[in-house]
Amino acid sequence: MAAQQLQHVFPKASRYDPEWVRRHSMGENVLLNLESLTKDLPLKPGMRVLDLGCGKAISSIFLAKEFGVTVWAVDEAISASDNYARICAAGCQQQVIPLEADARALPFAEEYFDAVIVVDSYTYFGTDEKYLPYICRFLKPEGRIAIADVCFTSEIETLDQVPAFLQQDYQHYWYFIHTISWWRKLWEKTGLVQVEVAQALDGAELVRKQYIQDFEHQHKQDPFAKALSLDKQQFISFFKLIGRRTGKTIYLQDYKAESKK
């Protein structure tokens, strides 16, 4: 892929060593998705940001360096110690706090964060209709929740609607993927957020090409890269969804309280 294309669409992400990004991304190039998302996110120095499902924390490092925010880098599967080593190597130890925690059992005070950002992770837990009410507990009124992830361009309602190229892997990796309109409706019906952005990522086609290229470069098998390479109708895409927290509190969800009933 021409470096000039990436530099034009993703000027911030392009400044980072591509080998470092490739080595520490859990799927597609996380910084491309994050830069597209933050184009519509009013981040200011000193804000408190939750980077949920941060993986190896390079997204948190990017947020700290590019926007001067303080970031809580939270992931359940990646060691906080390993992430802290990466954070220190990047010189961000004063701005990025690593933490191992379940996305459904977060140890934060209510209304603590100015923004909650979730890149390439929200589909794993956010399809639960009760999750947005839960995560909004930690977001200040007028704060933003912003996600970037994979989506379909048409909703799959029944198995006979699954495209041929996805049929082998659909029930393993793709059954929880939806359209942008599906996600928008899921958020809007709670009344807890005002959806400000619901659209395909800027440079979604570049994200697709980079994902395929990265895995070809590494000679690795990946079901998502495989599907993208077989998708000739552009059925799979990438999207961003940003909601501004309203003042409504009556429906805020507490997973811990629910589990005790």
Protein backbone atom coordinates (compact mmCIF):
# COMPACT_ATOMS: atom_id res chain seq x y z
CA MET A 1 0.00 0.00 0.00
CA ALA A 2 1.30 3.45 -0.90
CA ALA A 3 2.62 5.18 2.18
CA GLN A 4 1.40 8.50 0.78
CA GLN A 5 -2.21 7.30 0.94
CA LEU A 6 -1.91 6.41 4.60
CA GLN A 7 -0.12 9.64 5.44
CA HIS A 8 -2.86 11.68 3.77
CA VAL A 9 -5.81 9.97 5.50
CA PHE A 10 -4.07 9.05 8.76
CA PRO A 11 -1.33 11.66 9.36
CA LYS A 12 -1.06 10.96 13.12
CA ALA A 13 -1.00 7.14 12.94
CA SER A 14 1.49 7.23 10.07
CA ARG A 15 4.11 8.81 12.33
CA TYR A 16 4.37 5.60 14.37
CA ASP A 17 6.76 2.78 13.44
CA PRO A 18 4.64 0.37 11.33
CA GLU A 19 6.50 -2.68 12.67
CA TRP A 20 5.82 -1.58 16.26
CA VAL A 21 2.13 -1.05 15.45
CA ARG A 22 1.84 -4.37 13.61
CA ARG A 23 3.52 -6.26 16.46
CA HIS A 24 1.24 -4.78 19.11
CA SER A 25 -2.10 -4.69 17.29
CA MET A 26 -4.52 -7.51 18.14
CA GLY A 27 -6.19 -7.43 14.73
CA GLU A 28 -6.21 -4.68 12.14
CA ASN A 29 -4.02 -1.63 12.63
CA VAL A 30 -5.58 -0.22 15.79
CA LEU A 31 -4.14 3.28 15.30
CA LEU A 32 -5.87 3.73 11.94
CA ASN A 33 -9.26 3.00 13.49
CA LEU A 34 -8.47 5.17 16.49
CA GLU A 35 -7.38 8.16 14.43
CA SER A 36 -10.55 7.99 12.35
CA LEU A 37 -12.61 7.82 15.54
CA THR A 38 -10.88 10.74 17.25
CA LYS A 39 -11.48 13.04 14.28
CA ASP A 40 -15.01 13.42 15.64
CA LEU A 41 -14.14 13.33 19.34
CA PRO A 42 -13.48 16.59 21.26
CA LEU A 43 -10.53 15.44 23.37
CA LYS A 44 -8.63 18.07 25.37
CA PRO A 45 -5.46 17.92 27.51
CA GLY A 46 -6.18 16.84 31.07
CA MET A 47 -9.32 14.86 30.28
CA ARG A 48 -9.75 11.44 31.90
CA VAL A 49 -10.22 8.75 29.25
CA LEU A 50 -11.04 5.06 29.66
CA ASP A 51 -9.46 3.00 26.87
CA LEU A 52 -11.52 -0.15 27.31
CA GLY A 53 -10.29 -3.38 25.74
CA CYS A 54 -6.98 -1.63 25.08
CA GLY A 55 -5.11 -4.81 24.11
CA LYS A 56 -1.38 -4.07 24.27
CA ALA A 57 -2.04 -0.41 25.14
CA ILE A 58 -0.67 1.22 22.00
CA SER A 59 -4.05 2.92 21.58
CA SER A 60 -3.62 4.38 25.08
CA ILE A 61 -0.10 5.57 24.23
CA PHE A 62 -1.46 7.21 21.07
CA LEU A 63 -4.22 9.02 22.99
CA ALA A 64 -1.75 10.31 25.60
CA LYS A 65 0.80 11.49 23.05
CA GLU A 66 -1.57 13.01 20.51
CA PHE A 67 -4.15 14.62 22.80
CA GLY A 68 -2.50 15.09 26.20
CA VAL A 69 -5.23 13.16 28.00
CA THR A 70 -4.81 10.86 30.99
CA VAL A 71 -5.71 7.31 30.01
CA TRP A 72 -6.74 4.24 31.98
CA ALA A 73 -5.64 1.33 29.77
CA VAL A 74 -7.98 -1.53 30.68
CA ASP A 75 -7.91 -5.07 29.32
CA GLU A 76 -8.82 -8.40 30.88
CA ALA A 77 -6.58 -10.62 28.75
CA ILE A 78 -3.31 -8.66 28.59
CA SER A 79 -0.97 -8.35 31.57
CA ALA A 80 -0.96 -4.89 33.13
CA SER A 81 2.75 -5.38 33.84
CA ASP A 82 3.49 -6.07 30.16
CA ASN A 83 1.45 -3.04 29.17
CA TYR A 84 3.24 -0.92 31.75
CA ALA A 85 6.59 -1.89 30.22
CA ARG A 86 5.36 -0.70 26.80
CA ILE A 87 3.94 2.47 28.33
CA CYS A 88 7.27 3.25 30.03
CA ALA A 89 9.21 2.54 26.85
CA ALA A 90 7.01 5.11 25.11
CA GLY A 91 7.62 7.66 27.88
CA CYS A 92 3.94 7.80 28.86
CA GLN A 93 4.06 6.45 32.41
CA GLN A 94 2.78 9.75 33.85
CA GLN A 95 -0.29 9.73 31.60
CA VAL A 96 -1.28 6.08 31.09
CA ILE A 97 -2.40 3.79 33.92
CA PRO A 98 -2.59 0.07 33.02
CA LEU A 99 -5.17 -2.17 34.65
CA GLU A 100 -6.41 -5.75 34.24
CA ALA A 101 -10.19 -5.77 34.59
CA ASP A 102 -13.33 -7.33 33.14
CA ALA A 103 -15.36 -4.91 31.02
CA ARG A 104 -18.40 -5.90 33.11
CA ALA A 105 -16.74 -5.40 36.51
CA LEU A 106 -14.95 -2.07 36.35
CA PRO A 107 -13.45 -0.62 39.56
CA PHE A 108 -14.17 3.06 38.92
CA ALA A 109 -16.25 5.76 40.54
CA GLU A 110 -19.45 6.78 38.82
CA GLU A 111 -19.20 9.73 36.40
CA TYR A 112 -15.39 9.54 36.54
CA PHE A 113 -14.47 9.74 32.85
CA ASP A 114 -14.78 12.47 30.25
CA ALA A 115 -14.67 9.86 27.49
CA VAL A 116 -14.86 6.09 27.09
CA ILE A 117 -13.14 4.79 23.95
CA VAL A 118 -13.40 1.21 22.70
CA VAL A 119 -11.54 0.19 19.54
CA ASP A 120 -11.94 -3.29 18.03
CA SER A 121 -13.47 -4.71 21.23
CA TYR A 122 -17.01 -3.47 21.78
CA THR A 123 -18.69 -6.18 19.69
CA TYR A 124 -17.50 -8.81 22.19
CA PHE A 125 -19.58 -7.45 25.08
CA GLY A 126 -21.57 -4.47 23.82
CA THR A 127 -24.30 -6.42 22.03
CA ASP A 128 -25.79 -7.05 25.48
CA GLU A 129 -28.65 -4.55 25.69
CA LYS A 130 -27.74 -3.86 29.31
CA TYR A 131 -24.11 -2.97 28.58
CA LEU A 132 -24.52 0.63 27.46
CA PRO A 133 -26.50 1.43 30.65
CA TYR A 134 -23.66 -0.16 32.62
CA ILE A 135 -20.74 1.65 30.99
CA CYS A 136 -22.60 4.98 31.09
CA ARG A 137 -22.41 4.83 34.88
CA PHE A 138 -18.73 5.76 34.62
CA LEU A 139 -19.22 8.60 32.12
CA LYS A 140 -19.83 12.21 33.09
CA PRO A 141 -23.00 13.85 31.77
CA GLU A 142 -22.05 15.39 28.40
CA GLY A 143 -19.10 12.98 28.19
CA ARG A 144 -18.70 10.77 25.11
CA ILE A 145 -18.64 7.06 24.52
CA ALA A 146 -16.94 6.32 21.21
CA ILE A 147 -16.40 2.97 19.51
CA ALA A 148 -14.75 1.83 16.29
CA ASP A 149 -15.24 -1.71 15.09
CA VAL A 150 -16.16 -4.02 12.24
CA CYS A 151 -19.68 -4.02 10.78
CA PHE A 152 -21.80 -5.44 7.97
CA THR A 153 -23.41 -3.30 5.29
CA SER A 154 -26.59 -5.42 5.45
CA GLU A 155 -28.08 -7.07 8.54
CA ILE A 156 -28.07 -10.88 8.69
CA GLU A 157 -31.35 -12.04 10.24
CA THR A 158 -31.27 -15.73 9.29
CA LEU A 159 -28.56 -18.21 8.34
CA ASP A 160 -29.71 -18.38 4.74
CA GLN A 161 -28.72 -14.71 4.41
CA VAL A 162 -25.06 -15.41 5.22
CA PRO A 163 -22.89 -14.68 2.15
CA ALA A 164 -21.13 -17.73 0.72
CA PHE A 165 -17.64 -16.48 1.62
CA LEU A 166 -18.64 -16.23 5.31
CA GLN A 167 -20.57 -19.49 5.70
CA GLN A 168 -17.66 -21.58 6.95
CA ASP A 169 -16.68 -19.19 9.75
CA TYR A 170 -19.91 -17.28 10.43
CA GLN A 171 -21.01 -19.14 13.57
CA HIS A 172 -17.51 -18.98 15.04
CA TYR A 173 -16.46 -15.38 14.40
CA TRP A 174 -19.18 -13.31 12.75
CA TYR A 175 -22.62 -14.05 14.26
CA PHE A 176 -22.39 -11.04 16.63
CA ILE A 177 -21.52 -8.50 13.91
CA HIS A 178 -24.22 -6.03 12.86
CA THR A 179 -24.90 -2.98 10.71
CA ILE A 180 -24.36 0.63 11.72
CA SER A 181 -28.12 1.21 11.91
CA TRP A 182 -28.49 -1.78 14.26
CA TRP A 183 -25.95 -0.26 16.64
CA ARG A 184 -27.51 3.18 16.44
CA LYS A 185 -30.95 1.82 17.38
CA LEU A 186 -29.46 -0.19 20.25
CA TRP A 187 -27.97 2.97 21.77
CA GLU A 188 -30.78 5.39 21.02
CA LYS A 189 -33.55 3.38 22.63
CA THR A 190 -31.91 3.65 26.06
CA GLY A 191 -32.17 7.44 26.11
CA LEU A 192 -28.79 7.52 27.84
CA VAL A 193 -26.82 8.92 24.90
CA GLN A 194 -27.44 11.32 22.06
CA VAL A 195 -25.86 9.69 19.02
CA GLU A 196 -23.64 12.28 17.34
CA VAL A 197 -21.80 10.09 14.81
CA ALA A 198 -22.85 6.78 13.23
CA GLN A 199 -21.00 6.16 9.99
CA ALA A 200 -18.30 4.21 8.19
CA LEU A 201 -14.75 4.99 9.25
CA ASP A 202 -12.86 7.55 7.25
CA GLY A 203 -10.51 5.49 5.12
CA ALA A 204 -12.35 2.21 5.76
CA GLU A 205 -11.01 0.76 2.52
CA LEU A 206 -7.45 1.62 3.55
CA VAL A 207 -8.05 -0.10 6.90
CA ARG A 208 -9.23 -3.20 5.02
CA LYS A 209 -6.23 -3.26 2.69
CA GLN A 210 -3.78 -2.69 5.53
CA TYR A 211 -5.32 -5.53 7.59
CA ILE A 212 -4.98 -8.00 4.72
CA GLN A 213 -1.47 -6.80 3.89
CA ASP A 214 -0.27 -7.05 7.49
CA PHE A 215 -1.30 -10.69 7.80
CA GLU A 216 0.09 -11.59 4.39
CA HIS A 217 3.36 -9.94 5.44
CA GLN A 218 3.50 -12.06 8.59
CA HIS A 219 2.35 -15.25 6.81
CA LYS A 220 -0.24 -15.77 9.54
CA GLN A 221 -3.72 -17.27 9.34
CA ASP A 222 -6.48 -14.96 10.57
CA PRO A 223 -10.22 -15.54 10.01
CA PHE A 224 -10.97 -11.82 9.75
CA ALA A 225 -8.20 -11.11 7.25
CA LYS A 226 -9.32 -14.18 5.32
CA ALA A 227 -12.91 -12.95 5.16
CA LEU A 228 -11.85 -9.46 4.09
CA SER A 229 -9.74 -10.87 1.27
CA LEU A 230 -12.69 -12.97 0.03
CA ASP A 231 -15.26 -10.19 0.35
CA LYS A 232 -15.63 -8.92 -3.21
CA GLN A 233 -18.95 -7.09 -2.56
CA GLN A 234 -17.66 -4.94 0.32
CA PHE A 235 -20.14 -6.63 2.65
CA ILE A 236 -17.77 -6.11 5.59
CA SER A 237 -16.76 -2.62 6.61
CA PHE A 238 -15.60 -0.62 9.63
CA PHE A 239 -17.65 1.95 11.52
CA LYS A 240 -17.56 4.53 14.26
CA LEU A 241 -20.30 5.35 16.72
CA ILE A 242 -20.14 8.27 19.15
CA GLY A 243 -22.74 9.08 21.77
CA ARG A 244 -22.92 12.07 24.12
CA ARG A 245 -24.12 11.14 27.60
CA THR A 246 -27.45 12.64 28.60
CA GLY A 247 -28.50 13.49 32.15
CA LYS A 248 -30.81 10.49 32.45
CA THR A 249 -29.85 8.09 35.27
CA ILE A 250 -32.91 5.96 36.05
CA TYR A 251 -31.93 3.05 33.82
CA LEU A 252 -28.24 2.84 34.67
CA GLN A 253 -27.25 -0.80 35.03
CA ASP A 254 -25.16 -2.43 37.77
CA TYR A 255 -23.95 -5.88 36.77
CA LYS A 256 -22.78 -6.66 40.30
CA ALA A 257 -26.17 -5.86 41.79
CA GLU A 258 -27.87 -7.96 39.14
CA SER A 259 -25.64 -10.94 39.88
CA LYS A 260 -26.65 -10.94 43.56
CA LYS A 261 -30.37 -11.23 42.89
